[in-house]
């Protein structure tokens, strides 16, 4: 895919959704961090249901530590892998209190040092909470990038690095959200909605005509 096509794709995304953001509900960087940790292998809808009740009683590291691991589990037990996630969150809260004055750190290195926080989670927090132009390559972004030929790669990290190279700078901050939403609602894994796709004209997916009505 050439730069002209990429530019048109992001112009369209911007036109349709000028201020995209995550579908996870949060009010502070800490709430976002916890929501993203919980969202691994879970839907945003299920996470939002759990955090809606959790954040009413505990929305800071100190308050979650007072809940304790068993108390936290009562709020997140509807989410997959909740035992491991609860354990990681408690340890993360201890680190935040002891090493970061209860605040979420702004650096990738410090974020990735937290239990349950990998590169993808760190990228989400850096982008959404702190406004950095990062790309958190999940299954949606990986699929969309390869299928459209926007930025091909064999691994999430390879796709991330290629996207950072080719996305026009003015669209880099919001690209993460546009690509996730496109993959979640239009460029579906099994049956992409090519007939509804706003970037159909510029997409280089070899089989896209098969999904046109």
C-alpha atoms as a PDB file:
ATOM      1  CA  UNK A   1       0.000   0.000   0.000  1.00  0.00           C
ATOM      2  CA  UNK A   2       1.340   3.433  -0.894  1.00  0.00           C
ATOM      3  CA  UNK A   3       1.373   6.568   1.255  1.00  0.00           C
ATOM      4  CA  UNK A   4      -1.417   8.225  -0.733  1.00  0.00           C
ATOM      5  CA  UNK A   5      -3.827   5.394   0.086  1.00  0.00           C
ATOM      6  CA  UNK A   6      -2.832   5.429   3.752  1.00  0.00           C
ATOM      7  CA  UNK A   7      -3.463   9.144   3.928  1.00  0.00           C
ATOM      8  CA  UNK A   8      -6.934   8.755   2.440  1.00  0.00           C
ATOM      9  CA  UNK A   9      -7.774   5.969   4.890  1.00  0.00           C
ATOM     10  CA  UNK A  10      -6.942   8.098   7.903  1.00  0.00           C
ATOM     11  CA  UNK A  11      -8.666  11.146   6.448  1.00  0.00           C
ATOM     12  CA  UNK A  12     -11.827   9.040   6.248  1.00  0.00           C
ATOM     13  CA  UNK A  13     -11.417   7.678   9.776  1.00  0.00           C
ATOM     14  CA  UNK A  14     -10.937  11.230  11.064  1.00  0.00           C
ATOM     15  CA  UNK A  15     -13.934  12.538   9.179  1.00  0.00           C
ATOM     16  CA  UNK A  16     -16.203   9.806  10.546  1.00  0.00           C
ATOM     17  CA  UNK A  17     -14.860   9.933  14.110  1.00  0.00           C
ATOM     18  CA  UNK A  18     -12.848  13.104  14.874  1.00  0.00           C
ATOM     19  CA  UNK A  19     -12.247  12.297  18.549  1.00  0.00           C
ATOM     20  CA  UNK A  20     -12.016   8.521  19.017  1.00  0.00           C
ATOM     21  CA  UNK A  21     -11.309   6.991  22.404  1.00  0.00           C
ATOM     22  CA  UNK A  22     -11.361   3.690  24.227  1.00  0.00           C
ATOM     23  CA  UNK A  23     -14.667   1.981  24.983  1.00  0.00           C
ATOM     24  CA  UNK A  24     -13.424   1.191  28.474  1.00  0.00           C
ATOM     25  CA  UNK A  25     -14.978   3.455  31.101  1.00  0.00           C
ATOM     26  CA  UNK A  26     -12.547   5.400  33.277  1.00  0.00           C
ATOM     27  CA  UNK A  27     -12.019   8.784  34.889  1.00  0.00           C
ATOM     28  CA  UNK A  28      -8.365   8.627  35.941  1.00  0.00           C
ATOM     29  CA  UNK A  29      -5.157   7.039  34.625  1.00  0.00           C
ATOM     30  CA  UNK A  30      -5.356   4.519  37.472  1.00  0.00           C
ATOM     31  CA  UNK A  31      -8.904   3.492  36.581  1.00  0.00           C
ATOM     32  CA  UNK A  32      -7.796   3.063  32.968  1.00  0.00           C
ATOM     33  CA  UNK A  33      -4.795   0.962  34.002  1.00  0.00           C
ATOM     34  CA  UNK A  34      -6.936  -1.418  36.057  1.00  0.00           C
ATOM     35  CA  UNK A  35      -9.554  -1.657  33.301  1.00  0.00           C
ATOM     36  CA  UNK A  36      -6.933  -2.505  30.688  1.00  0.00           C
ATOM     37  CA  UNK A  37      -5.363  -5.168  32.914  1.00  0.00           C
ATOM     38  CA  UNK A  38      -8.814  -6.705  33.365  1.00  0.00           C
ATOM     39  CA  UNK A  39      -9.592  -6.498  29.642  1.00  0.00           C
ATOM     40  CA  UNK A  40      -7.027  -9.104  28.580  1.00  0.00           C
ATOM     41  CA  UNK A  41      -8.988 -11.932  26.936  1.00  0.00           C
ATOM     42  CA  UNK A  42     -12.231 -10.244  28.018  1.00  0.00           C
ATOM     43  CA  UNK A  43     -14.681  -7.851  26.388  1.00  0.00           C
ATOM     44  CA  UNK A  44     -14.821  -4.159  27.204  1.00  0.00           C
ATOM     45  CA  UNK A  45     -18.500  -4.620  28.043  1.00  0.00           C
ATOM     46  CA  UNK A  46     -17.758  -7.208  30.725  1.00  0.00           C
ATOM     47  CA  UNK A  47     -14.957  -5.070  32.166  1.00  0.00           C
ATOM     48  CA  UNK A  48     -17.149  -1.973  32.291  1.00  0.00           C
ATOM     49  CA  UNK A  49     -19.834  -3.870  34.191  1.00  0.00           C
ATOM     50  CA  UNK A  50     -17.307  -4.994  36.781  1.00  0.00           C
ATOM     51  CA  UNK A  51     -15.463  -1.697  37.178  1.00  0.00           C
ATOM     52  CA  UNK A  52     -18.709   0.265  37.468  1.00  0.00           C
ATOM     53  CA  UNK A  53     -19.309  -1.393  40.830  1.00  0.00           C
ATOM     54  CA  UNK A  54     -15.645  -1.698  41.827  1.00  0.00           C
ATOM     55  CA  UNK A  55     -14.858   1.983  41.319  1.00  0.00           C
ATOM     56  CA  UNK A  56     -17.777   3.014  43.521  1.00  0.00           C
ATOM     57  CA  UNK A  57     -15.887   1.614  46.501  1.00  0.00           C
ATOM     58  CA  UNK A  58     -12.272   1.441  45.347  1.00  0.00           C
ATOM     59  CA  UNK A  59     -10.769   3.551  42.574  1.00  0.00           C
ATOM     60  CA  UNK A  60      -7.289   4.222  43.951  1.00  0.00           C
ATOM     61  CA  UNK A  61      -4.373   1.905  44.748  1.00  0.00           C
ATOM     62  CA  UNK A  62      -4.831   2.519  48.456  1.00  0.00           C
ATOM     63  CA  UNK A  63      -8.539   1.652  48.410  1.00  0.00           C
ATOM     64  CA  UNK A  64      -8.023  -1.505  46.378  1.00  0.00           C
ATOM     65  CA  UNK A  65      -5.319  -2.614  48.798  1.00  0.00           C
ATOM     66  CA  UNK A  66      -7.820  -2.193  51.638  1.00  0.00           C
ATOM     67  CA  UNK A  67     -10.209  -4.485  49.759  1.00  0.00           C
ATOM     68  CA  UNK A  68      -7.544  -7.159  49.623  1.00  0.00           C
ATOM     69  CA  UNK A  69      -7.244  -9.857  47.014  1.00  0.00           C
ATOM     70  CA  UNK A  70     -10.349 -11.774  48.114  1.00  0.00           C
ATOM     71  CA  UNK A  71     -12.410  -8.590  48.299  1.00  0.00           C
ATOM     72  CA  UNK A  72     -11.259  -7.545  44.832  1.00  0.00           C
ATOM     73  CA  UNK A  73     -12.179 -10.940  43.419  1.00  0.00           C
ATOM     74  CA  UNK A  74     -15.794 -10.399  44.445  1.00  0.00           C
ATOM     75  CA  UNK A  75     -15.957  -7.488  41.995  1.00  0.00           C
ATOM     76  CA  UNK A  76     -14.071  -9.050  39.085  1.00  0.00           C
ATOM     77  CA  UNK A  77     -15.120 -12.709  39.283  1.00  0.00           C
ATOM     78  CA  UNK A  78     -17.314 -12.356  36.172  1.00  0.00           C
ATOM     79  CA  UNK A  79     -14.192 -11.650  34.097  1.00  0.00           C
ATOM     80  CA  UNK A  80     -12.019 -14.380  32.609  1.00  0.00           C
ATOM     81  CA  UNK A  81      -8.788 -15.218  34.447  1.00  0.00           C
ATOM     82  CA  UNK A  82      -9.994 -13.141  37.401  1.00  0.00           C
ATOM     83  CA  UNK A  83      -7.865 -14.995  39.972  1.00  0.00           C
ATOM     84  CA  UNK A  84      -4.612 -14.140  38.210  1.00  0.00           C
ATOM     85  CA  UNK A  85      -5.767 -10.632  37.381  1.00  0.00           C
ATOM     86  CA  UNK A  86      -6.786  -9.902  40.976  1.00  0.00           C
ATOM     87  CA  UNK A  87      -3.411 -11.102  42.243  1.00  0.00           C
ATOM     88  CA  UNK A  88      -1.566  -8.944  39.702  1.00  0.00           C
ATOM     89  CA  UNK A  89      -3.680  -5.889  40.496  1.00  0.00           C
ATOM     90  CA  UNK A  90      -2.971  -6.157  44.219  1.00  0.00           C
ATOM     91  CA  UNK A  91       0.779  -6.382  43.609  1.00  0.00           C
ATOM     92  CA  UNK A  92       0.556  -3.530  41.102  1.00  0.00           C
ATOM     93  CA  UNK A  93      -1.226  -1.357  43.668  1.00  0.00           C
ATOM     94  CA  UNK A  94       1.497  -2.067  46.233  1.00  0.00           C
ATOM     95  CA  UNK A  95       4.173  -1.023  43.745  1.00  0.00           C
ATOM     96  CA  UNK A  96       2.280   2.138  42.823  1.00  0.00           C
ATOM     97  CA  UNK A  97       1.959   3.125  46.474  1.00  0.00           C
ATOM     98  CA  UNK A  98       5.509   2.210  47.491  1.00  0.00           C
ATOM     99  CA  UNK A  99       7.404   3.388  44.420  1.00  0.00           C
ATOM    100  CA  UNK A 100       5.226   5.936  42.598  1.00  0.00           C
ATOM    101  CA  UNK A 101       3.354   7.811  45.355  1.00  0.00           C
ATOM    102  CA  UNK A 102       0.129   6.089  44.334  1.00  0.00           C
ATOM    103  CA  UNK A 103       0.269   7.440  40.785  1.00  0.00           C
ATOM    104  CA  UNK A 104       0.477   5.677  37.438  1.00  0.00           C
ATOM    105  CA  UNK A 105       3.974   6.162  35.958  1.00  0.00           C
ATOM    106  CA  UNK A 106       4.351   7.862  32.592  1.00  0.00           C
ATOM    107  CA  UNK A 107       7.144   5.706  31.181  1.00  0.00           C
ATOM    108  CA  UNK A 108       6.936   2.428  29.304  1.00  0.00           C
ATOM    109  CA  UNK A 109       9.703   0.892  31.415  1.00  0.00           C
ATOM    110  CA  UNK A 110       7.910   1.626  34.697  1.00  0.00           C
ATOM    111  CA  UNK A 111       4.551   0.493  33.348  1.00  0.00           C
ATOM    112  CA  UNK A 112       5.902  -2.797  32.007  1.00  0.00           C
ATOM    113  CA  UNK A 113       7.475  -3.467  35.413  1.00  0.00           C
ATOM    114  CA  UNK A 114       3.969  -3.767  36.866  1.00  0.00           C
ATOM    115  CA  UNK A 115       2.466  -7.291  37.093  1.00  0.00           C
ATOM    116  CA  UNK A 116      -0.070  -7.951  34.355  1.00  0.00           C
ATOM    117  CA  UNK A 117       1.188  -5.044  32.250  1.00  0.00           C
ATOM    118  CA  UNK A 118       2.807  -5.975  28.948  1.00  0.00           C
ATOM    119  CA  UNK A 119       3.704  -3.828  25.977  1.00  0.00           C
ATOM    120  CA  UNK A 120       0.123  -3.670  24.696  1.00  0.00           C
ATOM    121  CA  UNK A 121      -1.319  -2.537  28.043  1.00  0.00           C
ATOM    122  CA  UNK A 122       1.472  -0.008  28.490  1.00  0.00           C
ATOM    123  CA  UNK A 123       0.782   1.399  25.021  1.00  0.00           C
ATOM    124  CA  UNK A 124      -2.924   1.812  25.792  1.00  0.00           C
ATOM    125  CA  UNK A 125      -2.175   3.732  28.989  1.00  0.00           C
ATOM    126  CA  UNK A 126       0.516   5.874  27.369  1.00  0.00           C
ATOM    127  CA  UNK A 127      -1.768   6.729  24.447  1.00  0.00           C
ATOM    128  CA  UNK A 128      -5.141   7.130  26.134  1.00  0.00           C
ATOM    129  CA  UNK A 129      -4.191   8.501  29.548  1.00  0.00           C
ATOM    130  CA  UNK A 130      -1.085  10.477  28.667  1.00  0.00           C
ATOM    131  CA  UNK A 131      -1.584  11.391  25.012  1.00  0.00           C
ATOM    132  CA  UNK A 132       1.474   9.668  23.577  1.00  0.00           C
ATOM    133  CA  UNK A 133       1.379   8.519  19.911  1.00  0.00           C
ATOM    134  CA  UNK A 134       1.614   4.796  20.581  1.00  0.00           C
ATOM    135  CA  UNK A 135      -0.112   1.841  18.929  1.00  0.00           C
ATOM    136  CA  UNK A 136      -1.318  -1.045  21.102  1.00  0.00           C
ATOM    137  CA  UNK A 137      -1.557  -3.906  18.612  1.00  0.00           C
ATOM    138  CA  UNK A 138      -4.356  -6.232  19.698  1.00  0.00           C
ATOM    139  CA  UNK A 139      -6.003  -8.907  17.552  1.00  0.00           C
ATOM    140  CA  UNK A 140      -8.160  -6.288  15.803  1.00  0.00           C
ATOM    141  CA  UNK A 141      -5.300  -4.002  14.819  1.00  0.00           C
ATOM    142  CA  UNK A 142      -3.131  -6.958  13.813  1.00  0.00           C
ATOM    143  CA  UNK A 143      -5.885  -8.272  11.531  1.00  0.00           C
ATOM    144  CA  UNK A 144      -6.827  -4.913  10.005  1.00  0.00           C
ATOM    145  CA  UNK A 145      -3.218  -3.911   9.367  1.00  0.00           C
ATOM    146  CA  UNK A 146      -2.380  -7.161   7.601  1.00  0.00           C
ATOM    147  CA  UNK A 147      -5.668  -7.637   5.768  1.00  0.00           C
ATOM    148  CA  UNK A 148      -5.809  -4.137   4.324  1.00  0.00           C
ATOM    149  CA  UNK A 149      -2.025  -4.102   3.738  1.00  0.00           C
ATOM    150  CA  UNK A 150      -1.862  -0.902   5.764  1.00  0.00           C
ATOM    151  CA  UNK A 151       1.174  -2.253   7.609  1.00  0.00           C
ATOM    152  CA  UNK A 152       1.926  -5.939   7.304  1.00  0.00           C
ATOM    153  CA  UNK A 153       3.827  -7.945   9.890  1.00  0.00           C
ATOM    154  CA  UNK A 154       4.140 -11.448  11.319  1.00  0.00           C
ATOM    155  CA  UNK A 155       4.060 -10.376  14.966  1.00  0.00           C
ATOM    156  CA  UNK A 156       2.235  -7.655  16.920  1.00  0.00           C
ATOM    157  CA  UNK A 157       5.532  -5.882  17.561  1.00  0.00           C
ATOM    158  CA  UNK A 158       6.423  -5.923  13.874  1.00  0.00           C
ATOM    159  CA  UNK A 159       3.013  -4.512  12.970  1.00  0.00           C
ATOM    160  CA  UNK A 160       3.360  -1.859  15.676  1.00  0.00           C
ATOM    161  CA  UNK A 161       6.735  -0.708  14.396  1.00  0.00           C
ATOM    162  CA  UNK A 162       5.533  -0.662  10.785  1.00  0.00           C
ATOM    163  CA  UNK A 163       2.408   1.312  11.677  1.00  0.00           C
ATOM    164  CA  UNK A 164       4.485   3.908  13.501  1.00  0.00           C
ATOM    165  CA  UNK A 165       6.575   4.315  10.339  1.00  0.00           C
ATOM    166  CA  UNK A 166       3.729   4.725   7.850  1.00  0.00           C
ATOM    167  CA  UNK A 167       0.836   6.457   9.637  1.00  0.00           C
ATOM    168  CA  UNK A 168       0.772  10.186   8.815  1.00  0.00           C
ATOM    169  CA  UNK A 169       2.019  12.075  11.890  1.00  0.00           C
ATOM    170  CA  UNK A 170      -1.120  14.183  12.334  1.00  0.00           C
ATOM    171  CA  UNK A 171      -3.194  11.017  12.705  1.00  0.00           C
ATOM    172  CA  UNK A 172      -0.770   9.004  14.824  1.00  0.00           C
ATOM    173  CA  UNK A 173      -2.298   9.742  18.217  1.00  0.00           C
ATOM    174  CA  UNK A 174      -5.813   8.611  17.254  1.00  0.00           C
ATOM    175  CA  UNK A 175      -4.868   5.769  14.886  1.00  0.00           C
ATOM    176  CA  UNK A 176      -4.880   3.211  17.700  1.00  0.00           C
ATOM    177  CA  UNK A 177      -8.565   3.787  18.427  1.00  0.00           C
ATOM    178  CA  UNK A 178      -9.675   4.045  14.795  1.00  0.00           C
ATOM    179  CA  UNK A 179      -8.062   0.727  13.899  1.00  0.00           C
ATOM    180  CA  UNK A 180      -9.482  -1.099  16.913  1.00  0.00           C
ATOM    181  CA  UNK A 181     -12.995   0.175  16.243  1.00  0.00           C
ATOM    182  CA  UNK A 182     -12.706  -0.674  12.550  1.00  0.00           C
ATOM    183  CA  UNK A 183     -11.679  -4.223  13.405  1.00  0.00           C
ATOM    184  CA  UNK A 184     -14.319  -4.569  16.104  1.00  0.00           C
ATOM    185  CA  UNK A 185     -17.292  -3.408  14.046  1.00  0.00           C
ATOM    186  CA  UNK A 186     -16.450  -3.573  10.321  1.00  0.00           C
ATOM    187  CA  UNK A 187     -13.373  -5.630   9.487  1.00  0.00           C
ATOM    188  CA  UNK A 188     -14.530  -8.686  11.414  1.00  0.00           C
ATOM    189  CA  UNK A 189     -12.385 -11.796  11.620  1.00  0.00           C
ATOM    190  CA  UNK A 190     -14.684 -14.364  10.006  1.00  0.00           C
ATOM    191  CA  UNK A 191     -16.935 -12.233   7.851  1.00  0.00           C
ATOM    192  CA  UNK A 192     -15.765  -8.685   7.268  1.00  0.00           C
ATOM    193  CA  UNK A 193     -18.512  -6.192   6.444  1.00  0.00           C
ATOM    194  CA  UNK A 194     -16.906  -5.030   3.211  1.00  0.00           C
ATOM    195  CA  UNK A 195     -20.215  -3.721   1.898  1.00  0.00           C
ATOM    196  CA  UNK A 196     -20.302  -1.267   4.825  1.00  0.00           C
ATOM    197  CA  UNK A 197     -16.599  -0.435   4.837  1.00  0.00           C
ATOM    198  CA  UNK A 198     -15.792   3.294   4.526  1.00  0.00           C
ATOM    199  CA  UNK A 199     -12.257   2.549   3.292  1.00  0.00           C
ATOM    200  CA  UNK A 200     -13.235  -0.169   0.790  1.00  0.00           C
ATOM    201  CA  UNK A 201     -11.846   1.821  -2.129  1.00  0.00           C
ATOM    202  CA  UNK A 202      -8.362   1.954  -0.600  1.00  0.00           C
ATOM    203  CA  UNK A 203      -8.209  -1.481   1.060  1.00  0.00           C
ATOM    204  CA  UNK A 204      -5.980  -4.070  -0.626  1.00  0.00           C
ATOM    205  CA  UNK A 205      -7.615  -7.172   0.879  1.00  0.00           C
ATOM    206  CA  UNK A 206      -7.479  -9.734  -1.925  1.00  0.00           C
ATOM    207  CA  UNK A 207     -10.910 -11.262  -1.211  1.00  0.00           C
ATOM    208  CA  UNK A 208     -12.905  -8.161  -0.376  1.00  0.00           C
ATOM    209  CA  UNK A 209     -15.189  -8.516  -3.408  1.00  0.00           C
ATOM    210  CA  UNK A 210     -16.395 -11.839  -1.993  1.00  0.00           C
ATOM    211  CA  UNK A 211     -17.917  -9.958   0.943  1.00  0.00           C
ATOM    212  CA  UNK A 212     -19.645  -7.277  -1.080  1.00  0.00           C
ATOM    213  CA  UNK A 213     -23.434  -7.557  -1.233  1.00  0.00           C
END
